């Protein structure tokens, strides 16, 4: 993934975590990965492929995963409460 897109990805995920008042641990739980894995992507230690961008986007509630990379705020579907 291009460096600029990686920066946008990290910034947008952090914005969504803040806007939704979610922790990295909760995001990791929704994605089925460890909190350490989420942290590695958000710190830039691992560059996400499109499959991982999709996984982050869906866990954050985006209907269209590529909307996560859009600089403008996007509509997202409501997430179903965890059981």
N, C-alpha and C. Protein backbone atom coordinates (compact mmCIF):
# COMPACT_ATOMS: atom_id res chain seq x y z
N UNK A 1 0.85 -1.18 0.00
CA UNK A 1 0.00 0.00 0.00
C UNK A 1 0.90 1.24 0.00
N UNK A 2 0.56 2.20 -0.80
CA UNK A 2 1.32 3.43 -0.93
C UNK A 2 1.40 4.15 0.42
N UNK A 3 2.52 4.83 0.69
CA UNK A 3 2.77 5.48 1.98
C UNK A 3 1.67 6.49 2.33
N UNK A 4 1.22 7.28 1.36
CA UNK A 4 0.16 8.27 1.63
C UNK A 4 -1.13 7.57 2.04
N UNK A 5 -1.47 6.49 1.35
CA UNK A 5 -2.67 5.74 1.72
C UNK A 5 -2.54 5.12 3.10
N UNK A 6 -1.33 4.68 3.44
CA UNK A 6 -1.12 4.13 4.79
C UNK A 6 -1.38 5.20 5.84
N UNK A 7 -0.90 6.42 5.58
CA UNK A 7 -1.13 7.52 6.52
C UNK A 7 -2.61 7.82 6.65
N UNK A 8 -3.32 7.86 5.52
CA UNK A 8 -4.76 8.12 5.54
C UNK A 8 -5.46 7.01 6.30
N UNK A 9 -5.09 5.76 6.03
CA UNK A 9 -5.68 4.62 6.72
C UNK A 9 -5.53 4.76 8.23
N UNK A 10 -4.30 5.01 8.69
CA UNK A 10 -4.06 5.11 10.13
C UNK A 10 -4.84 6.27 10.75
N UNK A 11 -4.83 7.41 10.07
CA UNK A 11 -5.54 8.58 10.58
C UNK A 11 -7.05 8.33 10.66
N UNK A 12 -7.61 7.75 9.59
CA UNK A 12 -9.06 7.51 9.56
C UNK A 12 -9.48 6.47 10.60
N UNK A 13 -8.69 5.42 10.78
CA UNK A 13 -9.05 4.43 11.81
C UNK A 13 -9.02 5.09 13.18
N UNK A 14 -8.00 5.88 13.46
CA UNK A 14 -7.93 6.57 14.76
C UNK A 14 -9.11 7.52 14.94
N UNK A 15 -9.48 8.26 13.88
CA UNK A 15 -10.64 9.15 13.96
C UNK A 15 -11.90 8.38 14.29
N UNK A 16 -12.08 7.25 13.61
CA UNK A 16 -13.28 6.43 13.85
C UNK A 16 -13.29 5.85 15.25
N UNK A 17 -12.14 5.41 15.72
CA UNK A 17 -12.08 4.90 17.10
C UNK A 17 -12.50 5.99 18.07
N UNK A 18 -12.03 7.19 17.87
CA UNK A 18 -12.37 8.31 18.74
C UNK A 18 -13.86 8.67 18.61
N UNK A 19 -14.33 8.82 17.37
CA UNK A 19 -15.73 9.19 17.14
C UNK A 19 -16.70 8.17 17.72
N UNK A 20 -16.34 6.90 17.62
CA UNK A 20 -17.22 5.83 18.10
C UNK A 20 -16.92 5.44 19.55
N UNK A 21 -15.93 6.10 20.13
CA UNK A 21 -15.51 5.81 21.51
C UNK A 21 -15.19 4.33 21.68
N UNK A 22 -14.40 3.82 20.74
CA UNK A 22 -13.98 2.42 20.77
C UNK A 22 -12.51 2.35 21.13
N UNK A 23 -12.15 1.30 21.83
CA UNK A 23 -10.73 1.05 22.12
C UNK A 23 -10.15 0.18 21.01
N UNK A 24 -8.84 0.16 20.94
CA UNK A 24 -8.19 -0.75 20.00
C UNK A 24 -8.51 -2.20 20.36
N UNK A 25 -8.66 -2.46 21.64
CA UNK A 25 -8.99 -3.82 22.09
C UNK A 25 -10.37 -4.24 21.58
N UNK A 26 -11.34 -3.33 21.64
CA UNK A 26 -12.68 -3.65 21.14
C UNK A 26 -12.66 -3.83 19.63
N UNK A 27 -11.92 -2.99 18.94
CA UNK A 27 -11.80 -3.14 17.49
C UNK A 27 -11.17 -4.50 17.16
N UNK A 28 -10.13 -4.87 17.89
CA UNK A 28 -9.48 -6.16 17.68
C UNK A 28 -10.46 -7.30 17.91
N UNK A 29 -11.27 -7.19 18.96
CA UNK A 29 -12.27 -8.24 19.23
C UNK A 29 -13.24 -8.37 18.07
N UNK A 30 -13.71 -7.25 17.53
CA UNK A 30 -14.64 -7.28 16.40
C UNK A 30 -14.00 -7.89 15.16
N UNK A 31 -12.70 -7.69 15.02
CA UNK A 31 -11.99 -8.19 13.84
C UNK A 31 -11.52 -9.63 14.01
N UNK A 32 -11.49 -10.11 15.23
CA UNK A 32 -11.00 -11.46 15.48
C UNK A 32 -9.48 -11.55 15.45
N UNK A 33 -8.82 -10.45 15.83
CA UNK A 33 -7.36 -10.42 15.90
C UNK A 33 -6.95 -9.95 17.29
N UNK A 34 -5.67 -9.94 17.57
CA UNK A 34 -5.20 -9.48 18.87
C UNK A 34 -5.09 -7.95 18.89
N UNK A 35 -5.19 -7.34 20.07
CA UNK A 35 -4.96 -5.90 20.17
C UNK A 35 -3.57 -5.51 19.66
N UNK A 36 -2.60 -6.37 19.84
CA UNK A 36 -1.24 -6.11 19.35
C UNK A 36 -1.23 -5.98 17.83
N UNK A 37 -2.00 -6.82 17.16
CA UNK A 37 -2.08 -6.75 15.70
C UNK A 37 -2.64 -5.42 15.25
N UNK A 38 -3.73 -4.98 15.87
CA UNK A 38 -4.32 -3.68 15.54
C UNK A 38 -3.29 -2.58 15.77
N UNK A 39 -2.60 -2.64 16.90
CA UNK A 39 -1.61 -1.63 17.22
C UNK A 39 -0.48 -1.59 16.18
N UNK A 40 -0.07 -2.74 15.71
CA UNK A 40 1.00 -2.78 14.71
C UNK A 40 0.57 -2.11 13.40
N UNK A 41 -0.69 -2.29 13.00
CA UNK A 41 -1.18 -1.61 11.80
C UNK A 41 -1.27 -0.10 12.05
N UNK A 42 -1.77 0.30 13.21
CA UNK A 42 -1.96 1.72 13.48
C UNK A 42 -0.65 2.46 13.75
N UNK A 43 0.38 1.73 14.14
CA UNK A 43 1.68 2.37 14.37
C UNK A 43 2.54 2.37 13.11
N UNK A 44 2.08 1.69 12.05
CA UNK A 44 2.82 1.66 10.80
C UNK A 44 3.85 0.55 10.71
N UNK A 45 3.89 -0.33 11.71
CA UNK A 45 4.85 -1.45 11.67
C UNK A 45 4.46 -2.47 10.60
N UNK A 46 3.15 -2.56 10.33
CA UNK A 46 2.63 -3.45 9.29
C UNK A 46 1.81 -2.59 8.33
N UNK A 47 2.05 -2.77 7.04
CA UNK A 47 1.25 -2.07 6.02
C UNK A 47 0.05 -2.94 5.65
N UNK A 48 -1.15 -2.39 5.71
CA UNK A 48 -2.34 -3.21 5.42
C UNK A 48 -2.53 -3.44 3.92
N UNK A 49 -2.91 -4.65 3.59
CA UNK A 49 -3.35 -4.96 2.23
C UNK A 49 -4.84 -4.62 2.14
N UNK A 50 -5.39 -4.71 0.98
CA UNK A 50 -6.80 -4.35 0.80
C UNK A 50 -7.71 -5.25 1.64
N UNK A 51 -7.32 -6.50 1.83
CA UNK A 51 -8.12 -7.40 2.66
C UNK A 51 -8.19 -6.92 4.11
N UNK A 52 -7.08 -6.39 4.61
CA UNK A 52 -7.07 -5.91 5.99
C UNK A 52 -7.79 -4.56 6.10
N UNK A 53 -7.67 -3.71 5.09
CA UNK A 53 -8.43 -2.46 5.08
C UNK A 53 -9.92 -2.79 5.15
N UNK A 54 -10.34 -3.80 4.39
CA UNK A 54 -11.74 -4.23 4.40
C UNK A 54 -12.14 -4.73 5.80
N UNK A 55 -11.28 -5.49 6.42
CA UNK A 55 -11.59 -6.03 7.75
C UNK A 55 -11.74 -4.89 8.77
N UNK A 56 -10.85 -3.91 8.73
CA UNK A 56 -10.95 -2.75 9.62
C UNK A 56 -12.25 -1.99 9.34
N UNK A 57 -12.51 -1.73 8.07
CA UNK A 57 -13.69 -0.94 7.70
C UNK A 57 -14.98 -1.61 8.15
N UNK A 58 -15.10 -2.89 7.92
CA UNK A 58 -16.31 -3.60 8.33
C UNK A 58 -16.47 -3.60 9.85
N UNK A 59 -15.38 -3.78 10.56
CA UNK A 59 -15.44 -3.76 12.03
C UNK A 59 -15.82 -2.38 12.55
N UNK A 60 -15.51 -1.34 11.78
CA UNK A 60 -15.87 0.03 12.17
C UNK A 60 -17.25 0.43 11.66
N UNK A 61 -17.90 -0.46 10.89
CA UNK A 61 -19.27 -0.23 10.48
C UNK A 61 -19.48 0.39 9.12
N UNK A 62 -18.47 0.39 8.28
CA UNK A 62 -18.64 0.95 6.94
C UNK A 62 -19.28 -0.07 6.02
N UNK A 63 -20.29 0.36 5.24
CA UNK A 63 -20.90 -0.53 4.26
C UNK A 63 -19.94 -0.78 3.10
N UNK A 64 -19.27 0.27 2.65
CA UNK A 64 -18.29 0.16 1.57
C UNK A 64 -16.91 0.31 2.18
N UNK A 65 -16.13 -0.74 2.23
CA UNK A 65 -14.83 -0.68 2.90
C UNK A 65 -13.90 0.43 2.40
N UNK A 66 -13.98 0.78 1.12
CA UNK A 66 -13.10 1.82 0.61
C UNK A 66 -13.45 3.20 1.15
N UNK A 67 -14.66 3.35 1.70
CA UNK A 67 -15.02 4.64 2.31
C UNK A 67 -14.13 4.98 3.48
N UNK A 68 -13.54 3.98 4.11
CA UNK A 68 -12.62 4.24 5.21
C UNK A 68 -11.45 5.09 4.76
N UNK A 69 -11.02 4.92 3.50
CA UNK A 69 -9.87 5.67 2.99
C UNK A 69 -10.25 7.05 2.46
N UNK A 70 -11.54 7.34 2.42
CA UNK A 70 -11.99 8.64 1.96
C UNK A 70 -11.75 9.66 3.05
N UNK A 71 -11.20 10.80 2.69
CA UNK A 71 -10.88 11.85 3.66
C UNK A 71 -12.13 12.47 4.28
N UNK A 72 -13.24 12.44 3.55
CA UNK A 72 -14.48 13.01 4.09
C UNK A 72 -15.18 11.97 4.95
N UNK A 73 -15.91 12.46 5.95
CA UNK A 73 -16.67 11.55 6.80
C UNK A 73 -17.74 10.87 5.95
N UNK A 74 -17.94 9.60 6.15
CA UNK A 74 -18.89 8.81 5.38
C UNK A 74 -20.00 8.29 6.28
N UNK A 75 -21.13 8.02 5.64
CA UNK A 75 -22.22 7.35 6.35
C UNK A 75 -21.78 5.92 6.63
N UNK A 76 -22.10 5.42 7.78
CA UNK A 76 -21.80 4.02 8.04
C UNK A 76 -23.04 3.36 8.60
N UNK A 77 -23.16 2.10 8.32
CA UNK A 77 -24.31 1.37 8.84
C UNK A 77 -24.14 1.23 10.35
N UNK A 78 -25.23 1.07 11.04
CA UNK A 78 -25.16 0.87 12.49
C UNK A 78 -24.68 -0.54 12.77
N UNK A 79 -23.74 -0.61 13.68
CA UNK A 79 -23.22 -1.92 14.08
C UNK A 79 -24.22 -2.60 15.00
N UNK A 80 -24.33 -3.88 14.86
CA UNK A 80 -25.20 -4.66 15.74
C UNK A 80 -24.51 -4.79 17.09
N UNK A 81 -25.23 -4.59 18.18
CA UNK A 81 -24.60 -4.77 19.49
C UNK A 81 -24.07 -6.18 19.66
N UNK A 82 -22.93 -6.26 20.31
CA UNK A 82 -22.34 -7.58 20.57
C UNK A 82 -23.20 -8.33 21.57
N UNK A 83 -23.33 -9.64 21.33
CA UNK A 83 -24.13 -10.43 22.28
C UNK A 83 -23.31 -11.00 23.39
